[in-house]
Amino acid sequence: MRSFLEQSIAGATSFEDRFDAEVWLLDMQTRLAPFMSDPEERVQFLTLLHQEALAANLPPELVLALIEVESHFDRFAVSSAGAQGYMQVMPFWKDEIGRPGDNLTRSDTNLRYGCRILQFYWQRESGDLHRALAAYNGSLGSRKYSDKVFRAWQSRWRNAPLDW
């Protein structure tokens, strides 16, 4: 495991330096253990999530909280409305983006779509995170969903302040 972790840290490009990568990945992979039993899978997932979250100017811990609420880290989850994957992305987004052949159960695709969609809503809602999360969930006007994400963030993923 140590060798795998070292390789993952060396290849992680979204961190400021090796020390930041090691601290964050070790911390978060321990928090993720109740949802993903395979340590290598956890580190790969977290490395990818960190990269996609930062590319979308999102706190990775917020994305982790959202995924906990949306799919409980089941990459093959499908909602009754048809949303798919970790971040429960609706298939219509593939047509909106012009990529109808994309597979939303692929980790990289799902995280990229989900993070960019949340980024879009956060910008559209002028930084109001509650409204952005409600728009992401399709429940604009209600704080029920955003409060769930907040509770997941606060109880499991928080490692720095976030302006709720």
N, C-alpha and C. Protein backbone atom coordinates (compact mmCIF):
# COMPACT_ATOMS: atom_id res chain seq x y z
N MET A 1 0.83 -1.19 0.00
CA MET A 1 0.00 0.00 0.00
C MET A 1 0.87 1.25 0.00
N ARG A 2 1.93 1.23 0.79
CA ARG A 2 2.79 2.41 0.87
C ARG A 2 3.36 2.77 -0.50
N SER A 3 3.80 1.75 -1.24
CA SER A 3 4.35 1.99 -2.57
C SER A 3 3.29 2.58 -3.50
N PHE A 4 2.08 2.04 -3.43
CA PHE A 4 1.00 2.55 -4.27
C PHE A 4 0.69 4.00 -3.90
N LEU A 5 0.63 4.29 -2.62
CA LEU A 5 0.35 5.64 -2.16
C LEU A 5 1.44 6.60 -2.63
N GLU A 6 2.68 6.19 -2.54
CA GLU A 6 3.78 7.03 -3.00
C GLU A 6 3.67 7.33 -4.49
N GLN A 7 3.30 6.32 -5.30
CA GLN A 7 3.12 6.53 -6.74
C GLN A 7 1.96 7.49 -7.00
N SER A 8 0.88 7.31 -6.26
CA SER A 8 -0.28 8.19 -6.44
C SER A 8 0.06 9.63 -6.09
N ILE A 9 0.78 9.81 -5.01
CA ILE A 9 1.17 11.15 -4.58
C ILE A 9 2.10 11.78 -5.60
N ALA A 10 3.04 11.00 -6.11
CA ALA A 10 3.98 11.53 -7.10
C ALA A 10 3.26 11.94 -8.38
N GLY A 11 2.18 11.24 -8.72
CA GLY A 11 1.45 11.55 -9.94
C GLY A 11 0.32 12.54 -9.77
N ALA A 12 0.05 12.95 -8.55
CA ALA A 12 -1.06 13.88 -8.28
C ALA A 12 -0.63 15.29 -8.65
N THR A 13 -1.30 15.86 -9.63
CA THR A 13 -0.88 17.17 -10.14
C THR A 13 -1.71 18.33 -9.60
N SER A 14 -2.76 18.03 -8.86
CA SER A 14 -3.64 19.11 -8.40
C SER A 14 -3.27 19.64 -7.02
N PHE A 15 -2.22 19.11 -6.43
CA PHE A 15 -1.79 19.55 -5.11
C PHE A 15 -0.63 20.53 -5.24
N GLU A 16 -0.48 21.40 -4.25
CA GLU A 16 0.60 22.37 -4.29
C GLU A 16 1.97 21.70 -4.22
N ASP A 17 2.07 20.67 -3.39
CA ASP A 17 3.33 19.94 -3.28
C ASP A 17 3.07 18.53 -2.76
N ARG A 18 4.11 17.76 -2.69
CA ARG A 18 4.02 16.36 -2.26
C ARG A 18 3.48 16.25 -0.84
N PHE A 19 3.89 17.13 0.04
CA PHE A 19 3.43 17.09 1.43
C PHE A 19 1.92 17.30 1.51
N ASP A 20 1.41 18.31 0.81
CA ASP A 20 -0.04 18.56 0.81
C ASP A 20 -0.80 17.35 0.28
N ALA A 21 -0.27 16.74 -0.77
CA ALA A 21 -0.92 15.55 -1.35
C ALA A 21 -0.96 14.42 -0.34
N GLU A 22 0.16 14.18 0.31
CA GLU A 22 0.22 13.07 1.26
C GLU A 22 -0.72 13.28 2.44
N VAL A 23 -0.73 14.47 3.00
CA VAL A 23 -1.58 14.77 4.15
C VAL A 23 -3.05 14.63 3.76
N TRP A 24 -3.46 15.25 2.66
CA TRP A 24 -4.86 15.22 2.26
C TRP A 24 -5.32 13.81 1.90
N LEU A 25 -4.52 13.12 1.10
CA LEU A 25 -4.91 11.77 0.68
C LEU A 25 -4.97 10.80 1.86
N LEU A 26 -4.02 10.87 2.77
CA LEU A 26 -4.07 9.99 3.94
C LEU A 26 -5.28 10.29 4.82
N ASP A 27 -5.54 11.57 5.03
CA ASP A 27 -6.68 11.97 5.85
C ASP A 27 -8.00 11.53 5.21
N MET A 28 -8.19 11.88 3.96
CA MET A 28 -9.48 11.61 3.31
C MET A 28 -9.69 10.12 3.02
N GLN A 29 -8.63 9.39 2.74
CA GLN A 29 -8.83 7.97 2.46
C GLN A 29 -9.26 7.23 3.72
N THR A 30 -8.85 7.71 4.88
CA THR A 30 -9.32 7.13 6.15
C THR A 30 -10.81 7.45 6.34
N ARG A 31 -11.21 8.67 6.03
CA ARG A 31 -12.62 9.06 6.15
C ARG A 31 -13.51 8.32 5.15
N LEU A 32 -12.93 7.99 4.00
CA LEU A 32 -13.69 7.32 2.94
C LEU A 32 -13.80 5.81 3.16
N ALA A 33 -13.00 5.25 4.05
CA ALA A 33 -12.97 3.80 4.27
C ALA A 33 -14.33 3.16 4.52
N PRO A 34 -15.25 3.78 5.26
CA PRO A 34 -16.56 3.15 5.45
C PRO A 34 -17.36 2.96 4.15
N PHE A 35 -17.00 3.70 3.11
CA PHE A 35 -17.73 3.63 1.85
C PHE A 35 -17.02 2.81 0.79
N MET A 36 -15.70 2.77 0.84
CA MET A 36 -14.88 2.03 -0.13
C MET A 36 -13.87 1.20 0.64
N SER A 37 -13.96 -0.10 0.52
CA SER A 37 -13.09 -0.96 1.32
C SER A 37 -11.68 -1.10 0.76
N ASP A 38 -11.51 -0.99 -0.54
CA ASP A 38 -10.20 -1.18 -1.16
C ASP A 38 -9.36 0.09 -1.05
N PRO A 39 -8.23 0.03 -0.32
CA PRO A 39 -7.40 1.23 -0.12
C PRO A 39 -6.88 1.83 -1.43
N GLU A 40 -6.49 0.99 -2.38
CA GLU A 40 -6.00 1.51 -3.65
C GLU A 40 -7.09 2.22 -4.43
N GLU A 41 -8.30 1.66 -4.41
CA GLU A 41 -9.43 2.29 -5.07
C GLU A 41 -9.73 3.65 -4.44
N ARG A 42 -9.64 3.72 -3.11
CA ARG A 42 -9.89 4.99 -2.43
C ARG A 42 -8.90 6.06 -2.86
N VAL A 43 -7.62 5.72 -2.89
CA VAL A 43 -6.60 6.70 -3.25
C VAL A 43 -6.76 7.14 -4.70
N GLN A 44 -7.03 6.21 -5.61
CA GLN A 44 -7.24 6.58 -7.01
C GLN A 44 -8.45 7.51 -7.13
N PHE A 45 -9.53 7.15 -6.47
CA PHE A 45 -10.74 7.96 -6.52
C PHE A 45 -10.49 9.35 -5.97
N LEU A 46 -9.84 9.44 -4.82
CA LEU A 46 -9.59 10.74 -4.19
C LEU A 46 -8.66 11.61 -5.03
N THR A 47 -7.67 11.00 -5.65
CA THR A 47 -6.75 11.75 -6.51
C THR A 47 -7.52 12.36 -7.69
N LEU A 48 -8.37 11.56 -8.30
CA LEU A 48 -9.19 12.03 -9.42
C LEU A 48 -10.19 13.09 -8.95
N LEU A 49 -10.85 12.85 -7.83
CA LEU A 49 -11.82 13.81 -7.31
C LEU A 49 -11.16 15.15 -7.01
N HIS A 50 -10.01 15.12 -6.38
CA HIS A 50 -9.29 16.35 -6.05
C HIS A 50 -8.98 17.13 -7.32
N GLN A 51 -8.51 16.45 -8.33
CA GLN A 51 -8.16 17.09 -9.60
C GLN A 51 -9.39 17.73 -10.25
N GLU A 52 -10.50 17.00 -10.32
CA GLU A 52 -11.70 17.53 -10.97
C GLU A 52 -12.32 18.66 -10.16
N ALA A 53 -12.33 18.53 -8.84
CA ALA A 53 -12.90 19.59 -8.00
C ALA A 53 -12.11 20.88 -8.15
N LEU A 54 -10.80 20.81 -8.08
CA LEU A 54 -9.99 22.02 -8.20
C LEU A 54 -10.08 22.62 -9.61
N ALA A 55 -10.18 21.78 -10.63
CA ALA A 55 -10.33 22.29 -11.99
C ALA A 55 -11.62 23.10 -12.12
N ALA A 56 -12.62 22.76 -11.31
CA ALA A 56 -13.91 23.47 -11.32
C ALA A 56 -13.99 24.52 -10.21
N ASN A 57 -12.89 24.81 -9.55
CA ASN A 57 -12.84 25.78 -8.45
C ASN A 57 -13.79 25.42 -7.30
N LEU A 58 -13.87 24.13 -7.00
CA LEU A 58 -14.72 23.65 -5.91
C LEU A 58 -13.85 23.06 -4.81
N PRO A 59 -14.26 23.21 -3.56
CA PRO A 59 -13.56 22.53 -2.48
C PRO A 59 -13.79 21.01 -2.61
N PRO A 60 -12.73 20.22 -2.68
CA PRO A 60 -12.90 18.77 -2.80
C PRO A 60 -13.76 18.17 -1.69
N GLU A 61 -13.69 18.74 -0.51
CA GLU A 61 -14.48 18.22 0.61
C GLU A 61 -15.98 18.44 0.40
N LEU A 62 -16.33 19.52 -0.27
CA LEU A 62 -17.73 19.76 -0.62
C LEU A 62 -18.21 18.68 -1.60
N VAL A 63 -17.39 18.37 -2.57
CA VAL A 63 -17.74 17.34 -3.55
C VAL A 63 -17.90 15.98 -2.85
N LEU A 64 -17.03 15.69 -1.90
CA LEU A 64 -17.16 14.44 -1.15
C LEU A 64 -18.49 14.39 -0.39
N ALA A 65 -18.87 15.50 0.23
CA ALA A 65 -20.14 15.54 0.96
C ALA A 65 -21.32 15.35 0.00
N LEU A 66 -21.26 16.00 -1.15
CA LEU A 66 -22.32 15.86 -2.14
C LEU A 66 -22.44 14.40 -2.59
N ILE A 67 -21.32 13.76 -2.86
CA ILE A 67 -21.34 12.36 -3.30
C ILE A 67 -21.89 11.46 -2.21
N GLU A 68 -21.53 11.72 -0.96
CA GLU A 68 -22.08 10.92 0.14
C GLU A 68 -23.61 10.98 0.13
N VAL A 69 -24.15 12.17 -0.05
CA VAL A 69 -25.61 12.35 -0.06
C VAL A 69 -26.22 11.75 -1.32
N GLU A 70 -25.61 11.98 -2.46
CA GLU A 70 -26.20 11.57 -3.74
C GLU A 70 -26.17 10.06 -3.95
N SER A 71 -25.02 9.42 -3.74
CA SER A 71 -24.88 8.01 -4.14
C SER A 71 -24.24 7.11 -3.09
N HIS A 72 -23.85 7.66 -1.98
CA HIS A 72 -23.10 6.90 -0.97
C HIS A 72 -21.89 6.20 -1.60
N PHE A 73 -21.28 6.90 -2.56
CA PHE A 73 -20.06 6.45 -3.23
C PHE A 73 -20.25 5.18 -4.05
N ASP A 74 -21.46 5.02 -4.61
CA ASP A 74 -21.75 3.91 -5.51
C ASP A 74 -21.65 4.44 -6.93
N ARG A 75 -20.61 4.07 -7.63
CA ARG A 75 -20.39 4.62 -8.97
C ARG A 75 -21.44 4.14 -9.97
N PHE A 76 -22.14 3.05 -9.65
CA PHE A 76 -23.17 2.53 -10.54
C PHE A 76 -24.59 2.90 -10.09
N ALA A 77 -24.70 3.80 -9.14
CA ALA A 77 -26.02 4.21 -8.65
C ALA A 77 -26.84 4.86 -9.77
N VAL A 78 -28.12 4.53 -9.79
CA VAL A 78 -29.07 5.14 -10.72
C VAL A 78 -30.30 5.52 -9.91
N SER A 79 -30.68 6.79 -9.97
CA SER A 79 -31.84 7.25 -9.20
C SER A 79 -33.13 6.91 -9.94
N SER A 80 -34.24 7.09 -9.26
CA SER A 80 -35.54 6.86 -9.89
C SER A 80 -35.78 7.84 -11.04
N ALA A 81 -35.10 8.99 -11.00
CA ALA A 81 -35.23 9.98 -12.08
C ALA A 81 -34.25 9.71 -13.23
N GLY A 82 -33.35 8.73 -13.03
CA GLY A 82 -32.40 8.38 -14.08
C GLY A 82 -31.00 8.95 -13.92
N ALA A 83 -30.76 9.70 -12.84
CA ALA A 83 -29.43 10.25 -12.60
C ALA A 83 -28.45 9.10 -12.33
N GLN A 84 -27.20 9.29 -12.78
CA GLN A 84 -26.25 8.19 -12.75
C GLN A 84 -24.95 8.54 -12.06
N GLY A 85 -24.34 7.51 -11.48
CA GLY A 85 -22.98 7.58 -10.97
C GLY A 85 -22.83 8.26 -9.63
N TYR A 86 -21.56 8.46 -9.27
CA TYR A 86 -21.23 9.06 -7.98
C TYR A 86 -22.00 10.35 -7.71
N MET A 87 -21.99 11.24 -8.70
CA MET A 87 -22.56 12.57 -8.50
C MET A 87 -23.99 12.68 -9.03
N GLN A 88 -24.56 11.53 -9.43
CA GLN A 88 -25.94 11.46 -9.88
C GLN A 88 -26.23 12.51 -10.96
N VAL A 89 -25.47 12.39 -12.04
CA VAL A 89 -25.61 13.30 -13.18
C VAL A 89 -26.75 12.82 -14.07
N MET A 90 -27.62 13.73 -14.43
CA MET A 90 -28.74 13.40 -15.33
C MET A 90 -28.21 13.22 -16.76
N PRO A 91 -28.68 12.18 -17.45
CA PRO A 91 -28.19 11.90 -18.80
C PRO A 91 -28.41 13.03 -19.81
N PHE A 92 -29.40 13.89 -19.60
CA PHE A 92 -29.63 14.98 -20.57
C PHE A 92 -28.41 15.88 -20.70
N TRP A 93 -27.56 15.92 -19.67
CA TRP A 93 -26.37 16.77 -19.74
C TRP A 93 -25.44 16.33 -20.86
N LYS A 94 -25.42 15.04 -21.19
CA LYS A 94 -24.56 14.57 -22.28
C LYS A 94 -24.95 15.24 -23.60
N ASP A 95 -26.25 15.36 -23.85
CA ASP A 95 -26.73 16.04 -25.06
C ASP A 95 -26.47 17.54 -24.99
N GLU A 96 -26.69 18.11 -23.80
CA GLU A 96 -26.44 19.55 -23.61
C GLU A 96 -24.99 19.90 -23.95
N ILE A 97 -24.09 19.02 -23.55
CA ILE A 97 -22.66 19.26 -23.75
C ILE A 97 -22.22 18.82 -25.15
N GLY A 98 -23.05 18.03 -25.82
CA GLY A 98 -22.71 17.56 -27.15
C GLY A 98 -21.85 16.31 -27.16
N ARG A 99 -22.00 15.49 -26.12
CA ARG A 99 -21.22 14.25 -26.01
C ARG A 99 -22.15 13.09 -25.64
N PRO A 100 -23.08 12.75 -26.53
CA PRO A 100 -24.10 11.74 -26.19
C PRO A 100 -23.53 10.35 -25.91
N GLY A 101 -22.32 10.07 -26.33
CA GLY A 101 -21.74 8.75 -26.11
C GLY A 101 -21.01 8.59 -24.79
N ASP A 102 -20.91 9.64 -23.99
CA ASP A 102 -20.18 9.54 -22.71
C ASP A 102 -20.87 8.57 -21.76
N ASN A 103 -20.06 7.89 -20.97
CA ASN A 103 -20.54 6.92 -19.99
C ASN A 103 -20.48 7.57 -18.60
N LEU A 104 -21.63 7.84 -18.03
CA LEU A 104 -21.69 8.54 -16.74
C LEU A 104 -21.34 7.65 -15.55
N THR A 105 -21.12 6.36 -15.77
CA THR A 105 -20.66 5.52 -14.66
C THR A 105 -19.14 5.43 -14.62
N ARG A 106 -18.47 6.01 -15.60
CA ARG A 106 -17.00 6.11 -15.52
C ARG A 106 -16.67 7.18 -14.50
N SER A 107 -15.80 6.87 -13.59
CA SER A 107 -15.46 7.79 -12.51
C SER A 107 -15.00 9.15 -13.03
N ASP A 108 -14.08 9.15 -13.97
CA ASP A 108 -13.54 10.42 -14.46
C ASP A 108 -14.62 11.26 -15.15
N THR A 109 -15.45 10.61 -15.95
CA THR A 109 -16.52 11.33 -16.66
C THR A 109 -17.54 11.87 -15.67
N ASN A 110 -17.97 11.05 -14.74
CA ASN A 110 -18.99 11.45 -13.78
C ASN A 110 -18.49 12.61 -12.91
N LEU A 111 -17.27 12.51 -12.42
CA LEU A 111 -16.73 13.58 -11.58
C LEU A 111 -16.55 14.87 -12.36
N ARG A 112 -16.10 14.76 -13.62
CA ARG A 112 -15.92 15.96 -14.43
C ARG A 112 -17.26 16.64 -14.68
N TYR A 113 -18.25 15.87 -15.11
CA TYR A 113 -19.58 16.44 -15.35
C TYR A 113 -20.13 17.05 -14.07
N GLY A 114 -20.16 16.26 -13.00
CA GLY A 114 -20.77 16.72 -11.76
C GLY A 114 -20.11 17.97 -11.21
N CYS A 115 -18.79 18.01 -11.22
CA CYS A 115 -18.08 19.19 -10.71
C CYS A 115 -18.35 20.42 -11.57
N ARG A 116 -18.37 20.26 -12.87
CA ARG A 116 -18.61 21.40 -13.75
C ARG A 116 -20.05 21.88 -13.67
N ILE A 117 -20.98 20.95 -13.50
CA ILE A 117 -22.39 21.34 -13.34
C ILE A 117 -22.56 22.13 -12.04
N LEU A 118 -21.96 21.64 -10.95
CA LEU A 118 -22.05 22.37 -9.68
C LEU A 118 -21.36 23.73 -9.79
N GLN A 119 -20.23 23.78 -10.46
CA GLN A 119 -19.54 25.06 -10.67
C GLN A 119 -20.46 26.04 -11.41
N PHE A 120 -21.12 25.55 -12.46
CA PHE A 120 -22.05 26.39 -13.22
C PHE A 120 -23.13 26.97 -12.32
N TYR A 121 -23.77 26.12 -11.51
CA TYR A 121 -24.84 26.59 -10.63
C TYR A 121 -24.32 27.53 -9.56
N TRP A 122 -23.15 27.27 -9.03
CA TRP A 122 -22.59 28.14 -7.99
C TRP A 122 -22.31 29.53 -8.56
N GLN A 123 -21.80 29.57 -9.78
CA GLN A 123 -21.57 30.87 -10.42
C GLN A 123 -22.89 31.55 -10.74
N ARG A 124 -23.84 30.78 -11.26
CA ARG A 124 -25.15 31.35 -11.62
C ARG A 124 -25.86 31.91 -10.40
N GLU A 125 -25.68 31.28 -9.26
CA GLU A 125 -26.33 31.72 -8.02
C GLU A 125 -25.46 32.69 -7.24
N SER A 126 -24.48 33.28 -7.89
CA SER A 126 -23.62 34.33 -7.32
C SER A 126 -22.99 33.93 -5.99
N GLY A 127 -22.52 32.69 -5.91
CA GLY A 127 -21.81 32.23 -4.73
C GLY A 127 -22.70 31.76 -3.60
N ASP A 128 -24.01 31.73 -3.79
CA ASP A 128 -24.92 31.23 -2.76
C ASP A 128 -24.93 29.70 -2.85
N LEU A 129 -24.19 29.08 -1.94
CA LEU A 129 -24.00 27.63 -1.99
C LEU A 129 -25.29 26.86 -1.79
N HIS A 130 -26.15 27.32 -0.90
CA HIS A 130 -27.43 26.64 -0.67
C HIS A 130 -28.26 26.62 -1.96
N ARG A 131 -28.34 27.74 -2.62
CA ARG A 131 -29.11 27.81 -3.87
C ARG A 131 -28.45 26.99 -4.98
N ALA A 132 -27.12 27.01 -5.04
CA ALA A 132 -26.40 26.23 -6.05
C ALA A 132 -26.64 24.73 -5.85
N LEU A 133 -26.58 24.28 -4.61
CA LEU A 133 -26.83 22.86 -4.34
C LEU A 133 -28.28 22.49 -4.64
N ALA A 134 -29.20 23.37 -4.32
CA ALA A 134 -30.61 23.10 -4.61
C ALA A 134 -30.82 23.02 -6.13
N ALA A 135 -30.18 23.88 -6.88
CA ALA A 135 -30.29 23.84 -8.34
C ALA A 135 -29.68 22.55 -8.87
N TYR A 136 -28.55 22.16 -8.32
CA TYR A 136 -27.90 20.91 -8.73
C TYR A 136 -28.84 19.73 -8.52
N ASN A 137 -29.55 19.74 -7.43
CA ASN A 137 -30.46 18.65 -7.06
C ASN A 137 -31.84 18.78 -7.69
N GLY A 138 -32.13 19.90 -8.28
CA GLY A 138 -33.45 20.11 -8.87
C GLY A 138 -34.49 20.46 -7.84
N SER A 139 -34.05 21.04 -6.73
CA SER A 139 -34.98 21.40 -5.65
C SER A 139 -34.84 22.87 -5.27
N LEU A 140 -34.62 23.72 -6.26
CA LEU A 140 -34.45 25.15 -6.01
C LEU A 140 -35.65 25.69 -5.24
N GLY A 141 -35.36 26.47 -4.21
CA GLY A 141 -36.40 27.01 -3.36
C GLY A 141 -36.50 26.28 -2.03
N SER A 142 -35.81 25.17 -1.91
CA SER A 142 -35.82 24.39 -0.67
C SER A 142 -34.39 24.22 -0.17
N ARG A 143 -34.22 24.24 1.14
CA ARG A 143 -32.89 24.02 1.72
C ARG A 143 -32.71 22.60 2.22
N LYS A 144 -33.68 21.75 2.04
CA LYS A 144 -33.60 20.38 2.56
C LYS A 144 -32.35 19.65 2.02
N TYR A 145 -32.15 19.70 0.72
CA TYR A 145 -31.00 19.01 0.12
C TYR A 145 -29.68 19.65 0.55
N SER A 146 -29.58 20.96 0.45
CA SER A 146 -28.32 21.62 0.80
C SER A 146 -27.99 21.41 2.28
N ASP A 147 -29.01 21.34 3.12
CA ASP A 147 -28.77 21.06 4.54
C ASP A 147 -28.23 19.65 4.74
N LYS A 148 -28.68 18.69 3.93
CA LYS A 148 -28.14 17.33 4.00
C LYS A 148 -26.66 17.32 3.62
N VAL A 149 -26.33 18.02 2.55
CA VAL A 149 -24.94 18.09 2.12
C VAL A 149 -24.10 18.79 3.20
N PHE A 150 -24.64 19.86 3.77
CA PHE A 150 -23.94 20.56 4.85
C PHE A 150 -23.67 19.62 6.03
N ARG A 151 -24.67 18.86 6.42
CA ARG A 151 -24.48 17.93 7.55
C ARG A 151 -23.41 16.88 7.23
N ALA A 152 -23.40 16.36 6.02
CA ALA A 152 -22.38 15.37 5.63
C ALA A 152 -20.99 16.03 5.66
N TRP A 153 -20.91 17.25 5.13
CA TRP A 153 -19.63 17.96 5.13
C TRP A 153 -19.17 18.21 6.56
N GLN A 154 -20.08 18.68 7.39
CA GLN A 154 -19.73 19.04 8.77
C GLN A 154 -19.33 17.82 9.59
N SER A 155 -20.01 16.70 9.41
CA SER A 155 -19.77 15.54 10.25
C SER A 155 -18.63 14.65 9.76
N ARG A 156 -18.32 14.67 8.46
CA ARG A 156 -17.32 13.73 7.97
C ARG A 156 -16.18 14.37 7.17
N TRP A 157 -16.44 15.38 6.35
CA TRP A 157 -15.45 15.82 5.36
C TRP A 157 -14.78 17.15 5.68
N ARG A 158 -15.31 17.91 6.60
CA ARG A 158 -14.78 19.24 6.89
C ARG A 158 -13.33 19.17 7.34
N ASN A 159 -12.50 20.00 6.71
CA ASN A 159 -11.13 20.16 7.17
C ASN A 159 -10.68 21.62 7.11
N ALA A 160 -11.58 22.49 6.66
CA ALA A 160 -11.31 23.93 6.60
C ALA A 160 -12.66 24.63 6.53
N PRO A 161 -12.71 25.89 6.86
CA PRO A 161 -13.98 26.62 6.77
C PRO A 161 -14.49 26.68 5.33
N LEU A 162 -15.79 26.74 5.20
CA LEU A 162 -16.45 26.88 3.91
C LEU A 162 -17.64 27.80 4.13
N ASP A 163 -17.79 28.78 3.26
CA ASP A 163 -18.83 29.79 3.43
C ASP A 163 -20.18 29.22 3.02
N TRP A 164 -20.92 28.75 4.00
CA TRP A 164 -22.27 28.22 3.74
C TRP A 164 -23.24 29.37 3.80
